Amino acid sequence: MSRKFESGAQKRKNLIKKELREKCLLKSIPKLTGFFKPASSATEDASSTGETSLHTPEGAEEVQAATAAQVDEEQQGTASTSSINRGEEEWGAGESQREDQAANQSDDDPYNSDPGRWGNNIDPQNTEKSAFVSGGYFDWKHANDRIAEHESCDIHRKAMITYISQAADRGTVDSELKKQFNEECEYWTQVLQRVVAVVKFLSERGLAFRGDSRRFGDSDNGNYLGCMELISQFDPFLKAHIEKYGNAGRGTPSYLSLNVCEEFIQLMGQKVLEEVISRVKLAKYFAISVDFTPDITHVDQLTFILRYVSPEGCIEERFVKFLTIENHTGEALFNSVISVLEEMGIDIINCRGQCYDNANNMSGAYKGVQARIKQISSLAQWVPCAAHTLNLVGVNSVNCCEETEQFFSFVQTLFNFSSKTTSRWQMIRAGLQPNDNKRIETLKSLSDTRWSAHAVATKALCTNYAGIQLSLLNIADDDEHQNLSTREEARALHKKMNKLEIAIMCNMWNAILQRFHGVSTALQAVELDLCNAVDLVRSLREYVASLRDQFDSFETAARNMSPNVSHEYKADTQRKKERKRQADESSEPECELSGRKRFCTSVYIRVGRCPLNWQLTMFTVKHRDGR
């Protein structure tokens, strides 16, 4: 039965053979000293150039001879002697061939593989010593100093010049890698340039980025991907990129995803904020404008705006950020303002103006935001928001008398009735006439916060008073298509429009509100200063005061608005009430005012003089004194 495993003697014999082969291999490998010049030639070169070269150490021949004798003794009795000798002969032949090739190489070749020829391109007249090219370096403790000296010597400089010139002519080992790297960088740079252009386009116009889908080719993929698809129709590069990477999914970089888009938005926003902060610091002095309002998610957000003068002398207003607030007290809002300024690195001491609304937590003289900031910066004068204050003046003027409230209630009721159904809206719109700009002024709704909506609604009613009245009459007489409640409501509105008082107030409020709207728009201009604001409000006050003597012109214009408007006042058509006289009263007849006189004194003059003119006067004084 044959053995499956080697015996112990065989293992020892194989181990001896293995060690013998390793020793023979080591012996056949050429020594390092063989690559350098002999010691005699090296000594001659050193004496002539002042440099040293490597040579064979003393006693190396004896060590080699002893090693060879020991190997010869161990080779006796083995079966591998002949094969080893053949390997030595083959190595010797290869070595002689390599020596011939090295001898045939040009001494000027900077890439010569023979280390003995390295440095031959160095000028032999240069006697500057460098341990890195002469005899080797061993003092690694001071390597930093020696390396700095070597980099400043002529030998290193000439070697680098030779390397750079050869690399420019023939290239380097990594030339293809560099070329591929540059091509990749150029490719993705072109992609990112198009992404940045689309992000800037949508951001400047305040358009939404995302859609319901995130894939190219879908109709609901949003403005961002839609703009990319539009550009790709005229850009072959982007078209090829979208076809290759557009819908590749996760794990494949395309730089077209929404994450990259969000990152660019954040980077651009941060860059814009840094630019605004740098301009504010350059201007040094600034003013702040703060207001808070709930957003669509019912979260109060504080709007922070900085106002400063540019180096060119132009007034600039810049929105900084939104702040989510949970407490509306003056102290909490003050802390929010200070934290924003500290975060941006802006000193509150340089604040020269404050502009808020008239709420107590902002404008309070003791615990308001403006009072707390004034304690830190005494030169930060508070000025109420001119446009907001003017809006409050207009809103409070409506509540001056019952007739005015009834008029604006009628305007809102007329809009609600007309816009209830599309067919009814088309019937009302059919009776309207285009204005001078060939546009039809349709009915508008009022607003509780924006006084400009009153101006637009009153203008639409005043412009098409007769057409709206005729449309209401047609709806009231349409028995076939309109139900009873619709006809009765249209008839009631038509009856109100026949009143002379409604027509007069429509003309009067249209004149006042159009002037209000123009002044309010001018007060919201960026270039506005305090002097111009006071002048604008003063001119508005004088205009309202001048309307007191123009009642006859408003009355005439009201009668000419529509042929159906009554020429008599309501008080003149009603039955006069007779009051029972008491025993102690005189027999003289009572003074009775006509309908025209009563309307003029109780409504017209009351609107123009009592609340409106007085509030505008107080508004002018407040802004003039800066309180």
Foldseek 3Di string as FASTA:
>chain_A
DDDPDDDPVVVVVVVLVVVLVVLLVVLLDDDPQVLADAPVVQVVVCVVLVFGADHDDPPPVVVSVVSVVVSVVSCPPDPCPVVSVVVSVVSVVVVVVVVVVLVPDDLCDCPRPRLNSHPVVPDSVDSDDQQVNTYHDDPVVCVVVSVVVVCPDPSNVVVVVVVVVCCVVPNDPCPVVVVVVVVVVVLVVVVVVVLLVQLVVCVVVVADAAFPDCAAPDPGGGSSSVVLVVVCVVPVSSVVLCVVPRVPDPPDDSCSGVVNSVVSVVVVLVVVLLVVLVQCVVQQAKAWEWDWDADPVRWIKIWIKIWGAGPVRFIDIDTRDIDTDDDLAQVRVLVVVVVVCVVSVRDLQRYQEYEYAPDCCDPPCPRHNVNVSCVVHVRHFYFYQLLQLLQVLVLVLQVLDDVSVVLLVLLQVLVCLQPVDPVSVVLLQVLFAADPVRHTLGAFHDDPRDLLSVLSRLVNCLRRVASNLVSLCVQLPPPPPDDDVSNVVSVVSSVVSQALLSLLVSVVVNVLSVLSVVLSVVSPDSRDDLVVNLVSLVVSLVVLVVCLPVSVVSSVSSCPSHVSHDNAHPQQPDDDDDDDDDPPDDPDDDDDDGRVVCCSVRPVCSSSPPRNSVSSVVSSVCSVVSD
